[in-house]
Amino acid sequence: MTGFTNKVLHLRAEAQGSAPVANITIEVQVDFTGAAGHRGDNMFMEPWSTLTAVSVPVGGYAFYIFPTGFSAHWVRVVASADCNCTAQFTYTA
């Protein structure tokens, strides 16, 4: 995510399974150091940081605009329920 001034995350979600849900919450997690999910010198897993949560209507669309100049090495999205989710990032200078 580094090297771009403007970033937008576009999200779509379709529910899976029989439980009816109106919205899926997508948690946006970032790795500021590039080490999240890796064992460090002390043999513990480096944590991911939760940036925000976005509510996506099932069958619908939502977006998140990152703060201008925001920077992190990695980003991942985690859904609150089983779903088919599409996450598309748009970066511009």
C-alpha atoms as a PDB file:
ATOM      1  CA  MET A   1       0.000   0.000   0.000  1.00  0.00           C
ATOM      2  CA  THR A   2       3.009   2.301   0.116  1.00  0.00           C
ATOM      3  CA  GLY A   3       3.855   4.871  -2.532  1.00  0.00           C
ATOM      4  CA  PHE A   4       0.330   6.043  -3.410  1.00  0.00           C
ATOM      5  CA  THR A   5      -1.432   9.095  -1.996  1.00  0.00           C
ATOM      6  CA  ASN A   6      -5.056   8.087  -2.608  1.00  0.00           C
ATOM      7  CA  LYS A   7      -6.567   4.667  -1.918  1.00  0.00           C
ATOM      8  CA  VAL A   8     -10.124   3.331  -2.060  1.00  0.00           C
ATOM      9  CA  LEU A   9     -11.419  -0.129  -1.159  1.00  0.00           C
ATOM     10  CA  HIS A  10     -14.515  -1.318  -3.081  1.00  0.00           C
ATOM     11  CA  LEU A  11     -16.517  -4.175  -1.518  1.00  0.00           C
ATOM     12  CA  ARG A  12     -19.322  -6.497  -2.635  1.00  0.00           C
ATOM     13  CA  ALA A  13     -20.708  -9.406  -0.613  1.00  0.00           C
ATOM     14  CA  GLU A  14     -23.063 -12.303  -1.287  1.00  0.00           C
ATOM     15  CA  ALA A  15     -24.258 -14.429   1.658  1.00  0.00           C
ATOM     16  CA  GLN A  16     -23.574 -18.154   1.846  1.00  0.00           C
ATOM     17  CA  GLY A  17     -25.526 -20.740   3.793  1.00  0.00           C
ATOM     18  CA  SER A  18     -29.101 -20.710   4.987  1.00  0.00           C
ATOM     19  CA  ALA A  19     -28.900 -18.074   7.723  1.00  0.00           C
ATOM     20  CA  PRO A  20     -30.432 -14.841   6.428  1.00  0.00           C
ATOM     21  CA  VAL A  21     -28.255 -11.791   6.994  1.00  0.00           C
ATOM     22  CA  ALA A  22     -28.879  -8.238   5.814  1.00  0.00           C
ATOM     23  CA  ASN A  23     -25.291  -7.015   6.117  1.00  0.00           C
ATOM     24  CA  ILE A  24     -21.814  -8.493   6.234  1.00  0.00           C
ATOM     25  CA  THR A  25     -19.229  -6.612   8.273  1.00  0.00           C
ATOM     26  CA  ILE A  26     -15.843  -6.526   6.583  1.00  0.00           C
ATOM     27  CA  GLU A  27     -12.964  -5.711   8.917  1.00  0.00           C
ATOM     28  CA  VAL A  28     -10.044  -3.948   7.208  1.00  0.00           C
ATOM     29  CA  GLN A  29      -6.779  -4.994   8.840  1.00  0.00           C
ATOM     30  CA  VAL A  30      -3.338  -3.578   8.072  1.00  0.00           C
ATOM     31  CA  ASP A  31       0.269  -4.519   8.699  1.00  0.00           C
ATOM     32  CA  PHE A  32       2.364  -1.409   9.300  1.00  0.00           C
ATOM     33  CA  THR A  33       5.734  -3.170   9.666  1.00  0.00           C
ATOM     34  CA  GLY A  34       5.551  -5.935   7.065  1.00  0.00           C
ATOM     35  CA  ALA A  35       5.896  -8.581   9.773  1.00  0.00           C
ATOM     36  CA  ALA A  36       2.279  -9.456  10.673  1.00  0.00           C
ATOM     37  CA  GLY A  37       1.661 -13.173  10.727  1.00  0.00           C
ATOM     38  CA  HIS A  38       5.392 -13.938  11.022  1.00  0.00           C
ATOM     39  CA  ARG A  39       7.261 -15.173  14.046  1.00  0.00           C
ATOM     40  CA  GLY A  40       9.681 -12.614  15.442  1.00  0.00           C
ATOM     41  CA  ASP A  41      12.779 -13.047  17.592  1.00  0.00           C
ATOM     42  CA  ASN A  42      10.599 -13.767  20.629  1.00  0.00           C
ATOM     43  CA  MET A  43       8.657 -16.499  18.755  1.00  0.00           C
ATOM     44  CA  PHE A  44       5.297 -14.736  18.843  1.00  0.00           C
ATOM     45  CA  MET A  45       3.103 -13.827  15.911  1.00  0.00           C
ATOM     46  CA  GLU A  46       3.221 -10.167  14.930  1.00  0.00           C
ATOM     47  CA  PRO A  47      -0.364  -8.833  15.125  1.00  0.00           C
ATOM     48  CA  TRP A  48      -2.509  -7.278  12.410  1.00  0.00           C
ATOM     49  CA  SER A  49      -4.042  -3.896  13.294  1.00  0.00           C
ATOM     50  CA  THR A  50      -7.740  -3.279  12.710  1.00  0.00           C
ATOM     51  CA  LEU A  51      -8.157  -0.039  10.780  1.00  0.00           C
ATOM     52  CA  THR A  52     -11.943   0.019  10.351  1.00  0.00           C
ATOM     53  CA  ALA A  53     -15.027  -2.109   9.769  1.00  0.00           C
ATOM     54  CA  VAL A  54     -17.308  -1.605   6.772  1.00  0.00           C
ATOM     55  CA  SER A  55     -20.920  -2.800   6.671  1.00  0.00           C
ATOM     56  CA  VAL A  56     -21.724  -4.227   3.236  1.00  0.00           C
ATOM     57  CA  PRO A  57     -25.366  -4.913   2.347  1.00  0.00           C
ATOM     58  CA  VAL A  58     -25.814  -8.501   1.147  1.00  0.00           C
ATOM     59  CA  GLY A  59     -26.023  -8.350  -2.631  1.00  0.00           C
ATOM     60  CA  GLY A  60     -24.885  -4.752  -2.493  1.00  0.00           C
ATOM     61  CA  TYR A  61     -21.825  -2.533  -2.522  1.00  0.00           C
ATOM     62  CA  ALA A  62     -19.867  -0.406  -0.061  1.00  0.00           C
ATOM     63  CA  PHE A  63     -16.562   1.436  -0.143  1.00  0.00           C
ATOM     64  CA  TYR A  64     -13.936   2.806   2.212  1.00  0.00           C
ATOM     65  CA  ILE A  65     -11.709   5.794   1.414  1.00  0.00           C
ATOM     66  CA  PHE A  66      -8.363   5.565   3.189  1.00  0.00           C
ATOM     67  CA  PRO A  67      -7.036   8.790   4.727  1.00  0.00           C
ATOM     68  CA  THR A  68      -4.915  10.793   2.270  1.00  0.00           C
ATOM     69  CA  GLY A  69      -1.337   9.557   2.390  1.00  0.00           C
ATOM     70  CA  PHE A  70      -2.183   6.502   4.527  1.00  0.00           C
ATOM     71  CA  SER A  71       0.554   3.888   4.313  1.00  0.00           C
ATOM     72  CA  ALA A  72       0.965   0.256   5.356  1.00  0.00           C
ATOM     73  CA  HIS A  73       2.906  -2.683   3.962  1.00  0.00           C
ATOM     74  CA  TRP A  74      -0.025  -5.102   3.716  1.00  0.00           C
ATOM     75  CA  VAL A  75      -3.801  -5.034   4.003  1.00  0.00           C
ATOM     76  CA  ARG A  76      -6.331  -7.829   4.391  1.00  0.00           C
ATOM     77  CA  VAL A  77     -10.097  -8.058   4.774  1.00  0.00           C
ATOM     78  CA  VAL A  78     -11.917 -10.383   7.180  1.00  0.00           C
ATOM     79  CA  ALA A  79     -15.664 -11.082   6.882  1.00  0.00           C
ATOM     80  CA  SER A  80     -17.984 -11.444   9.878  1.00  0.00           C
ATOM     81  CA  ALA A  81     -19.882 -14.343   8.254  1.00  0.00           C
ATOM     82  CA  ASP A  82     -19.468 -16.903   5.502  1.00  0.00           C
ATOM     83  CA  CYS A  83     -19.840 -15.076   2.212  1.00  0.00           C
ATOM     84  CA  ASN A  84     -18.528 -14.601  -1.285  1.00  0.00           C
ATOM     85  CA  CYS A  85     -16.788 -11.261  -1.064  1.00  0.00           C
ATOM     86  CA  THR A  86     -14.995  -9.207  -3.662  1.00  0.00           C
ATOM     87  CA  ALA A  87     -12.487  -6.624  -2.466  1.00  0.00           C
ATOM     88  CA  GLN A  88     -10.920  -4.337  -5.061  1.00  0.00           C
ATOM     89  CA  PHE A  89      -8.344  -1.673  -4.241  1.00  0.00           C
ATOM     90  CA  THR A  90      -7.835   1.435  -6.365  1.00  0.00           C
ATOM     91  CA  TYR A  91      -4.603   3.379  -5.820  1.00  0.00           C
ATOM     92  CA  THR A  92      -3.727   6.720  -7.447  1.00  0.00           C
ATOM     93  CA  ALA A  93      -0.820   9.112  -7.063  1.00  0.00           C
END
